C-alpha atoms as a PDB file:
ATOM      1  CA  MET A   1       3.894 -15.129  84.002  1.00  0.00           C
ATOM      2  CA  GLU A   2       5.827 -13.846  81.650  1.00  0.00           C
ATOM      3  CA  GLU A   3       4.572 -11.943  78.403  1.00  0.00           C
ATOM      4  CA  SER A   4       5.586 -12.990  74.963  1.00  0.00           C
ATOM      5  CA  THR A   5       7.185 -10.048  72.455  1.00  0.00           C
ATOM      6  CA  HIS A   6       6.399 -12.316  69.354  1.00  0.00           C
ATOM      7  CA  ARG A   7       5.933  -9.957  66.651  1.00  0.00           C
ATOM      8  CA  ILE A   8       4.047 -11.180  63.662  1.00  0.00           C
ATOM      9  CA  SER A   9       4.192  -9.263  60.709  1.00  0.00           C
ATOM     10  CA  LYS A  10       1.356  -8.782  58.185  1.00  0.00           C
ATOM     11  CA  LEU A  11       0.893  -9.582  54.935  1.00  0.00           C
ATOM     12  CA  ASP A  12       1.550  -6.395  52.361  1.00  0.00           C
ATOM     13  CA  PRO A  13       0.151  -7.407  49.074  1.00  0.00           C
ATOM     14  CA  GLN A  14       1.230  -4.112  47.822  1.00  0.00           C
ATOM     15  CA  LYS A  15       5.063  -5.207  48.628  1.00  0.00           C
ATOM     16  CA  SER A  16       4.384  -8.647  47.627  1.00  0.00           C
ATOM     17  CA  ILE A  17       3.000  -7.253  43.598  1.00  0.00           C
ATOM     18  CA  ARG A  18       6.032  -4.428  43.791  1.00  0.00           C
ATOM     19  CA  ARG A  19       8.851  -7.494  44.186  1.00  0.00           C
ATOM     20  CA  ALA A  20       6.967  -9.365  42.023  1.00  0.00           C
ATOM     21  CA  ARG A  21       6.669  -6.678  39.073  1.00  0.00           C
ATOM     22  CA  THR A  22      10.686  -5.646  39.829  1.00  0.00           C
ATOM     23  CA  GLN A  23      11.342  -9.313  39.754  1.00  0.00           C
ATOM     24  CA  GLN A  24       9.777 -10.974  36.560  1.00  0.00           C
ATOM     25  CA  ASP A  25      12.508 -10.901  34.424  1.00  0.00           C
ATOM     26  CA  THR A  26      16.174  -9.748  34.111  1.00  0.00           C
ATOM     27  CA  THR A  27      15.046  -6.454  32.899  1.00  0.00           C
ATOM     28  CA  GLY A  28      12.954  -6.014  35.871  1.00  0.00           C
ATOM     29  CA  ASP A  29      10.719  -4.601  32.625  1.00  0.00           C
ATOM     30  CA  GLY A  30       8.529  -7.572  31.526  1.00  0.00           C
ATOM     31  CA  TRP A  31       9.046 -10.639  29.990  1.00  0.00           C
ATOM     32  CA  SER A  32      10.975 -12.529  27.234  1.00  0.00           C
ATOM     33  CA  ILE A  33      12.263 -15.400  25.298  1.00  0.00           C
ATOM     34  CA  THR A  34      14.606 -16.032  23.121  1.00  0.00           C
ATOM     35  CA  VAL A  35      14.212 -18.046  20.271  1.00  0.00           C
ATOM     36  CA  ALA A  36      16.525 -18.133  17.225  1.00  0.00           C
ATOM     37  CA  GLY A  37      18.840 -15.901  18.741  1.00  0.00           C
ATOM     38  CA  THR A  38      16.147 -13.213  18.738  1.00  0.00           C
ATOM     39  CA  GLU A  39      14.588 -11.929  22.035  1.00  0.00           C
ATOM     40  CA  ILE A  40      10.347 -11.491  21.990  1.00  0.00           C
ATOM     41  CA  ALA A  41       9.880  -8.897  24.747  1.00  0.00           C
ATOM     42  CA  TRP A  42       6.962  -7.469  25.952  1.00  0.00           C
ATOM     43  CA  SER A  43       5.897  -5.899  29.599  1.00  0.00           C
ATOM     44  CA  SER A  44       2.235  -4.925  29.272  1.00  0.00           C
ATOM     45  CA  LYS A  45      -1.027  -7.598  27.941  1.00  0.00           C
ATOM     46  CA  MET A  46      -1.751  -5.226  25.179  1.00  0.00           C
ATOM     47  CA  GLU A  47       1.894  -5.833  23.690  1.00  0.00           C
ATOM     48  CA  ARG A  48       0.876  -9.918  24.587  1.00  0.00           C
ATOM     49  CA  VAL A  49      -1.744  -8.777  22.415  1.00  0.00           C
ATOM     50  CA  SER A  50       0.253  -7.778  19.744  1.00  0.00           C
ATOM     51  CA  LEU A  51       2.516 -10.576  19.851  1.00  0.00           C
ATOM     52  CA  ILE A  52      -0.292 -13.132  20.041  1.00  0.00           C
ATOM     53  CA  ARG A  53      -1.968 -11.659  16.788  1.00  0.00           C
ATOM     54  CA  GLU A  54       1.882 -11.356  14.988  1.00  0.00           C
ATOM     55  CA  GLY A  55       1.925 -14.896  15.788  1.00  0.00           C
ATOM     56  CA  ILE A  56       5.961 -16.463  17.685  1.00  0.00           C
ATOM     57  CA  PRO A  57       7.808 -18.699  15.836  1.00  0.00           C
ATOM     58  CA  TYR A  58       7.460 -22.676  16.790  1.00  0.00           C
ATOM     59  CA  GLU A  59      10.987 -23.001  17.941  1.00  0.00           C
ATOM     60  CA  ALA A  60       9.141 -21.051  20.833  1.00  0.00           C
ATOM     61  CA  ILE A  61       7.732 -24.495  22.442  1.00  0.00           C
ATOM     62  CA  SER A  62      11.109 -25.958  22.709  1.00  0.00           C
ATOM     63  CA  VAL A  63      12.705 -22.977  24.563  1.00  0.00           C
ATOM     64  CA  VAL A  64       9.513 -22.476  26.743  1.00  0.00           C
ATOM     65  CA  GLY A  65       9.726 -26.709  26.988  1.00  0.00           C
ATOM     66  CA  LYS A  66      12.942 -26.263  28.416  1.00  0.00           C
ATOM     67  CA  ARG A  67      12.265 -23.742  30.948  1.00  0.00           C
ATOM     68  CA  ALA A  68       9.311 -25.706  32.363  1.00  0.00           C
ATOM     69  CA  ASP A  69      11.584 -28.691  31.869  1.00  0.00           C
ATOM     70  CA  LEU A  70       9.375 -30.568  29.623  1.00  0.00           C
ATOM     71  CA  SER A  71      10.992 -32.320  26.691  1.00  0.00           C
ATOM     72  CA  VAL A  72       9.516 -31.117  23.351  1.00  0.00           C
ATOM     73  CA  ARG A  73       7.467 -34.374  23.005  1.00  0.00           C
ATOM     74  CA  GLU A  74       5.551 -33.566  26.122  1.00  0.00           C
ATOM     75  CA  MET A  75       5.114 -30.015  24.961  1.00  0.00           C
ATOM     76  CA  LEU A  76       3.592 -31.158  21.828  1.00  0.00           C
ATOM     77  CA  THR A  77       1.461 -33.226  23.704  1.00  0.00           C
ATOM     78  CA  LEU A  78       0.302 -30.335  25.519  1.00  0.00           C
ATOM     79  CA  MET A  79      -0.555 -28.435  22.817  1.00  0.00           C
ATOM     80  CA  GLY A  80      -2.101 -31.182  20.461  1.00  0.00           C
ATOM     81  CA  MET A  81       0.057 -31.307  18.037  1.00  0.00           C
ATOM     82  CA  PRO A  82       2.007 -33.171  15.828  1.00  0.00           C
ATOM     83  CA  GLN A  83       5.514 -34.183  15.802  1.00  0.00           C
ATOM     84  CA  THR A  84       5.734 -34.098  12.144  1.00  0.00           C
ATOM     85  CA  THR A  85       3.946 -30.328  11.901  1.00  0.00           C
ATOM     86  CA  TYR A  86       5.938 -29.499  14.166  1.00  0.00           C
ATOM     87  CA  ASN A  87       9.333 -30.205  12.618  1.00  0.00           C
ATOM     88  CA  LYS A  88       7.877 -29.318   8.827  1.00  0.00           C
ATOM     89  CA  LYS A  89       6.760 -25.926  10.581  1.00  0.00           C
ATOM     90  CA  LYS A  90       9.542 -25.074  12.262  1.00  0.00           C
ATOM     91  CA  ARG A  91      12.394 -25.999   9.774  1.00  0.00           C
ATOM     92  CA  ASP A  92       9.971 -23.473   7.720  1.00  0.00           C
ATOM     93  CA  LYS A  93      10.421 -20.994  10.193  1.00  0.00           C
ATOM     94  CA  ASP A  94       6.372 -20.462  10.229  1.00  0.00           C
ATOM     95  CA  LEU A  95       4.725 -18.959  13.367  1.00  0.00           C
ATOM     96  CA  LEU A  96       2.377 -20.121  15.643  1.00  0.00           C
ATOM     97  CA  ASN A  97      -1.379 -19.492  15.113  1.00  0.00           C
ATOM     98  CA  GLY A  98      -2.831 -17.242  18.024  1.00  0.00           C
ATOM     99  CA  ARG A  99      -3.880 -19.729  20.496  1.00  0.00           C
ATOM    100  CA  ASP A 100      -0.701 -21.379  20.515  1.00  0.00           C
ATOM    101  CA  SER A 101       0.653 -17.776  20.852  1.00  0.00           C
ATOM    102  CA  GLU A 102      -0.847 -16.678  23.353  1.00  0.00           C
ATOM    103  CA  VAL A 103      -0.734 -20.527  26.045  1.00  0.00           C
ATOM    104  CA  ILE A 104       3.309 -20.845  25.243  1.00  0.00           C
ATOM    105  CA  LEU A 105       3.598 -16.233  26.434  1.00  0.00           C
ATOM    106  CA  LEU A 106       1.224 -17.222  29.198  1.00  0.00           C
ATOM    107  CA  LEU A 107       3.492 -20.489  30.413  1.00  0.00           C
ATOM    108  CA  THR A 108       6.523 -17.356  29.809  1.00  0.00           C
ATOM    109  CA  GLU A 109       4.579 -15.371  31.857  1.00  0.00           C
ATOM    110  CA  LEU A 110       3.835 -17.868  34.383  1.00  0.00           C
ATOM    111  CA  LEU A 111       7.276 -20.056  34.620  1.00  0.00           C
ATOM    112  CA  ASP A 112       9.065 -16.747  35.288  1.00  0.00           C
ATOM    113  CA  TYR A 113       6.259 -16.012  38.457  1.00  0.00           C
ATOM    114  CA  GLY A 114       6.197 -19.475  39.790  1.00  0.00           C
ATOM    115  CA  VAL A 115      10.485 -19.480  39.899  1.00  0.00           C
ATOM    116  CA  GLU A 116       9.845 -16.147  41.801  1.00  0.00           C
ATOM    117  CA  VAL A 117       7.345 -17.837  44.415  1.00  0.00           C
ATOM    118  CA  PHE A 118       9.491 -20.454  44.984  1.00  0.00           C
ATOM    119  CA  ASN A 119      12.580 -17.930  45.876  1.00  0.00           C
ATOM    120  CA  ASN A 120      14.479 -18.699  42.311  1.00  0.00           C
ATOM    121  CA  GLU A 121      15.359 -21.861  43.463  1.00  0.00           C
ATOM    122  CA  ARG A 122      14.223 -24.065  39.996  1.00  0.00           C
ATOM    123  CA  GLU A 123      14.597 -27.427  41.066  1.00  0.00           C
ATOM    124  CA  LYS A 124      11.840 -27.035  43.725  1.00  0.00           C
ATOM    125  CA  PHE A 125       9.407 -24.975  41.792  1.00  0.00           C
ATOM    126  CA  TYR A 126       9.830 -27.845  38.672  1.00  0.00           C
ATOM    127  CA  ARG A 127       9.046 -30.289  41.562  1.00  0.00           C
ATOM    128  CA  TRP A 128       6.168 -28.699  42.460  1.00  0.00           C
ATOM    129  CA  LEU A 129       5.404 -28.417  38.725  1.00  0.00           C
ATOM    130  CA  LYS A 130       5.602 -32.185  39.014  1.00  0.00           C
ATOM    131  CA  LYS A 131       3.933 -33.760  41.637  1.00  0.00           C
ATOM    132  CA  PRO A 132      -0.081 -33.676  42.095  1.00  0.00           C
ATOM    133  CA  ASN A 133      -1.607 -30.626  44.084  1.00  0.00           C
ATOM    134  CA  ALA A 134      -4.471 -31.286  46.196  1.00  0.00           C
ATOM    135  CA  SER A 135      -5.322 -27.772  45.344  1.00  0.00           C
ATOM    136  CA  LEU A 136      -5.672 -28.464  41.674  1.00  0.00           C
ATOM    137  CA  GLY A 137      -7.684 -31.107  42.271  1.00  0.00           C
ATOM    138  CA  GLY A 138      -5.169 -33.712  42.569  1.00  0.00           C
ATOM    139  CA  VAL A 139      -3.453 -33.314  39.541  1.00  0.00           C
ATOM    140  CA  LYS A 140       0.022 -32.379  38.548  1.00  0.00           C
ATOM    141  CA  PRO A 141       0.092 -28.112  37.368  1.00  0.00           C
ATOM    142  CA  GLU A 142       2.037 -29.055  34.435  1.00  0.00           C
ATOM    143  CA  THR A 143      -0.675 -31.497  33.100  1.00  0.00           C
ATOM    144  CA  LEU A 144      -2.693 -28.130  32.789  1.00  0.00           C
ATOM    145  CA  PHE A 145      -0.384 -25.892  30.490  1.00  0.00           C
ATOM    146  CA  ASP A 146      -2.735 -27.310  27.601  1.00  0.00           C
ATOM    147  CA  SER A 147      -5.268 -24.331  28.191  1.00  0.00           C
ATOM    148  CA  VAL A 148      -5.524 -20.675  29.198  1.00  0.00           C
ATOM    149  CA  THR A 149      -7.605 -21.684  32.174  1.00  0.00           C
ATOM    150  CA  GLY A 150      -5.146 -24.220  33.394  1.00  0.00           C
ATOM    151  CA  ILE A 151      -2.668 -22.186  32.932  1.00  0.00           C
ATOM    152  CA  GLN A 152      -4.538 -19.561  35.135  1.00  0.00           C
ATOM    153  CA  VAL A 153      -5.642 -22.593  37.472  1.00  0.00           C
ATOM    154  CA  VAL A 154      -1.952 -23.209  37.923  1.00  0.00           C
ATOM    155  CA  GLN A 155      -1.268 -19.658  38.691  1.00  0.00           C
ATOM    156  CA  ASN A 156      -4.211 -19.010  41.056  1.00  0.00           C
ATOM    157  CA  GLY A 157      -1.862 -22.379  42.948  1.00  0.00           C
ATOM    158  CA  LEU A 158       1.142 -19.928  43.005  1.00  0.00           C
ATOM    159  CA  HIS A 159      -0.701 -16.562  44.238  1.00  0.00           C
ATOM    160  CA  ARG A 160      -1.762 -19.131  47.288  1.00  0.00           C
ATOM    161  CA  LEU A 161       1.729 -20.803  47.899  1.00  0.00           C
ATOM    162  CA  GLU A 162       2.785 -17.105  48.193  1.00  0.00           C
ATOM    163  CA  TYR A 163      -0.026 -15.415  50.208  1.00  0.00           C
ATOM    164  CA  GLY A 164       0.602 -18.587  52.883  1.00  0.00           C
ATOM    165  CA  ASN A 165      -2.697 -20.558  51.760  1.00  0.00           C
ATOM    166  CA  MET A 166      -2.601 -24.036  51.219  1.00  0.00           C
ATOM    167  CA  ALA A 167      -1.387 -25.526  47.434  1.00  0.00           C
END
């Protein structure tokens, strides 16, 4: 009887965390979105808090919508915002309130992380976002983008995928 010499590599969470930190965006230092030619960047939770308090431009809704492969109308529906309000506020160059700014910034982080979990295969990640998911109670991940808690639930689903659990 021959002995098998299969090697099973152990999961190294620290290695995965280091990889995630170095691949968060092109600078490797955090997250960023470019809105109306201006880069909004943050690399820590405290910097995120500062941006949330200041507010970010309304145009960020369409920028993050494109990143998520969602139309502006779909994003506005998720955010509970009428199209007319969005158009006026965007035209007046107003800033989003704290809650909406937080959702946009968290979505940016989630989308970057999701693309990384799917080995930079954006199309596969976008398909995952649009399909009902058993680990999320049978709902499509993108339908949970309307709240901080929903975004965290989707992020937990991505964590399970990254570590090889059913998601």
